[in-house]
Protein backbone atom coordinates (compact mmCIF):
# COMPACT_ATOMS: atom_id res chain seq x y z
CA MET A 1 2.85 0.57 6.38
CA GLU A 2 2.33 0.78 2.63
CA ILE A 3 4.18 -0.34 -0.47
CA THR A 4 3.43 0.04 -4.17
CA GLY A 5 4.47 -2.59 -6.67
CA LYS A 6 3.44 -5.22 -9.17
CA ILE A 7 1.90 -8.58 -8.24
CA THR A 8 4.34 -11.14 -9.64
CA LYS A 9 2.96 -14.33 -8.08
CA LYS A 10 -0.18 -15.49 -6.29
CA LEU A 11 0.30 -18.73 -4.39
CA ALA A 12 -2.50 -21.24 -3.90
CA PRO A 13 -4.97 -20.51 -1.08
CA GLN A 14 -4.53 -22.60 2.06
CA LYS A 15 -7.38 -23.81 4.29
CA GLY A 16 -7.52 -25.55 7.61
CA VAL A 17 -9.32 -26.04 10.89
CA SER A 18 -8.01 -24.90 14.26
CA ALA A 19 -9.44 -24.78 17.77
CA ARG A 20 -11.10 -21.48 16.78
CA GLY A 21 -12.71 -22.91 13.64
CA GLU A 22 -12.00 -22.87 9.92
CA TRP A 23 -9.41 -20.53 8.46
CA GLN A 24 -8.13 -19.49 5.04
CA LYS A 25 -4.99 -17.71 3.95
CA GLN A 26 -3.24 -16.87 0.71
CA GLU A 27 0.22 -15.50 -0.03
CA PHE A 28 1.26 -13.25 -2.90
CA VAL A 29 4.52 -11.66 -4.03
CA ILE A 30 5.03 -7.99 -4.91
CA GLU A 31 7.93 -6.65 -6.99
CA TYR A 32 8.91 -3.08 -6.16
CA GLN A 33 11.77 -0.84 -7.18
CA GLU A 34 14.24 0.09 -4.47
CA GLY A 35 17.36 1.68 -5.84
CA GLN A 36 18.80 0.28 -9.04
CA TYR A 37 17.45 -3.27 -8.78
CA PRO A 38 13.93 -4.64 -8.20
CA SER A 39 13.10 -6.17 -4.82
CA PHE A 40 10.49 -8.74 -3.90
CA VAL A 41 8.39 -9.21 -0.78
CA CYS A 42 5.83 -11.90 0.13
CA PHE A 43 2.58 -10.85 1.84
CA ASN A 44 -0.35 -12.88 3.15
CA VAL A 45 -4.06 -12.26 3.60
CA TRP A 46 -6.18 -14.10 6.18
CA GLY A 47 -9.88 -14.87 6.08
CA ALA A 48 -12.28 -15.92 3.33
CA ASP A 49 -13.26 -12.33 2.53
CA LYS A 50 -9.63 -11.23 1.99
CA VAL A 51 -8.80 -14.36 -0.04
CA ASN A 52 -11.84 -13.63 -2.25
CA GLU A 53 -10.73 -10.00 -2.59
CA LEU A 54 -7.23 -11.08 -3.67
CA ALA A 55 -8.83 -13.33 -6.32
CA GLY A 56 -10.01 -10.13 -8.04
CA TYR A 57 -6.40 -9.13 -8.76
CA SER A 58 -4.22 -10.75 -11.39
CA GLU A 59 -0.51 -11.18 -11.73
CA GLY A 60 1.10 -8.18 -13.39
CA GLU A 61 -1.29 -5.63 -11.84
CA GLU A 62 0.16 -2.57 -10.12
CA VAL A 63 -1.19 -2.32 -6.55
CA LYS A 64 -0.72 -0.42 -3.32
CA VAL A 65 -0.66 -2.76 -0.31
CA SER A 66 -1.33 -1.58 3.24
CA PHE A 67 0.05 -4.08 5.75
CA ASN A 68 1.11 -4.81 9.31
CA LEU A 69 4.53 -6.20 10.11
CA SER A 70 5.03 -8.64 12.98
CA ALA A 71 7.34 -11.48 14.01
CA ARG A 72 6.96 -14.61 16.11
CA GLU A 73 9.34 -17.12 17.62
CA TYR A 74 9.05 -20.88 17.16
CA ALA A 75 11.64 -23.41 18.35
CA GLY A 76 14.32 -20.75 18.75
CA ARG A 77 13.83 -19.23 15.28
CA TRP A 78 12.06 -16.00 14.37
CA TYR A 79 9.58 -15.69 11.49
CA ASN A 80 8.33 -12.42 9.97
CA ASP A 81 4.71 -11.98 9.00
CA LEU A 82 3.59 -9.31 6.50
CA ARG A 83 -0.20 -9.31 6.74
CA ALA A 84 -1.95 -7.25 4.07
CA TRP A 85 -5.16 -5.61 5.24
CA ARG A 86 -5.90 -3.47 2.16
CA ILE A 87 -5.03 -3.88 -1.52
CA GLU A 88 -5.77 -1.12 -4.01
CA ARG A 89 -5.21 -0.87 -7.76
CA VAL A 90 -3.04 2.00 -8.91
CA ASN A 91 -2.42 3.51 -12.30
CA THR A 92 1.30 3.45 -13.14
CA GLN A 93 1.01 6.95 -14.62
CA GLN A 94 -0.31 8.31 -11.32
CA TYR A 95 2.19 6.80 -8.92
CA SER A 96 5.89 6.19 -8.73
CA THR A 97 7.06 2.70 -7.83
CA SER A 98 10.46 3.83 -6.61
CA GLY A 99 10.91 3.40 -2.89
CA MET A 100 8.34 2.25 -0.37
CA GLY A 101 5.08 3.74 -1.51
CA ALA A 102 3.18 6.07 -3.75
CA ASN A 103 4.57 9.44 -4.68
CA THR A 104 1.63 11.82 -4.51
CA MET A 105 3.49 14.93 -3.37
CA GLY A 106 3.63 18.13 -5.39
CA ASN A 107 1.36 19.78 -7.91
CA SER A 108 2.66 17.84 -10.94
CA ALA A 109 1.56 14.53 -9.42
CA ASN A 110 -1.83 15.96 -8.44
CA ALA A 111 -2.40 17.31 -11.95
CA SER A 112 -2.35 13.77 -13.41
CA ARG A 113 -4.70 12.32 -10.79
CA PRO A 114 -8.34 11.88 -11.81
CA ASP A 115 -9.52 13.36 -8.50
CA ALA A 116 -7.30 16.46 -8.85
CA ALA A 117 -10.36 18.69 -9.21
CA ASN A 118 -11.47 17.63 -5.72
CA THR A 119 -8.12 18.22 -4.01
CA ILE A 120 -6.98 21.40 -2.32
CA PRO A 121 -3.68 22.77 -3.65
CA ALA A 122 -0.73 23.01 -1.28
CA PRO A 123 -0.30 26.44 0.33
CA THR A 124 2.21 28.81 -1.21
CA ILE A 125 4.47 31.25 0.65
CA ASP A 126 1.94 34.01 -0.09
CA ASP A 127 -0.77 32.02 1.70
CA LEU A 128 1.42 31.75 4.80
CA SER A 129 2.36 35.43 5.12
CA GLU A 130 0.59 37.72 7.59
CA PRO A 131 -2.05 40.15 6.26
CA GLU A 132 -1.02 43.80 6.29
CA GLU A 133 -4.05 44.95 8.31
CA ASP A 134 -5.23 42.99 11.31
CA ASP A 135 -8.65 43.68 12.81
CA LEU A 136 -8.24 41.23 15.70
CA PRO A 137 -8.70 42.76 19.19
CA PHE A 138 -5.46 41.33 20.58
């Protein structure tokens, strides 16, 4: 799953030791626009490499977060876990923050992207029509 929004808060990294060894995790909050009012969601990253990667982002930056959603039960209660596995910077002029992700559909969005020269345009109705002469043997 993916979501695009602004980092509003980075919580302090947490460290510990378990039966499997040392671990690190850090949580951060994203603000995204869903409908008329902004919404917030808290993600976490696990492992020293991901915590170090998150340190390279600052509050207020617009990012696209790829994440896995899971839940676990403890003492009769259920807890959701939103584990981010990729964080990417986005330019607010390139992407829309409405809804749950980047809006990269259509030629107008592709025209403003820096890699637009390397993208293939979407087919038109003329591209999809059958040729008038067909030299195929069947």
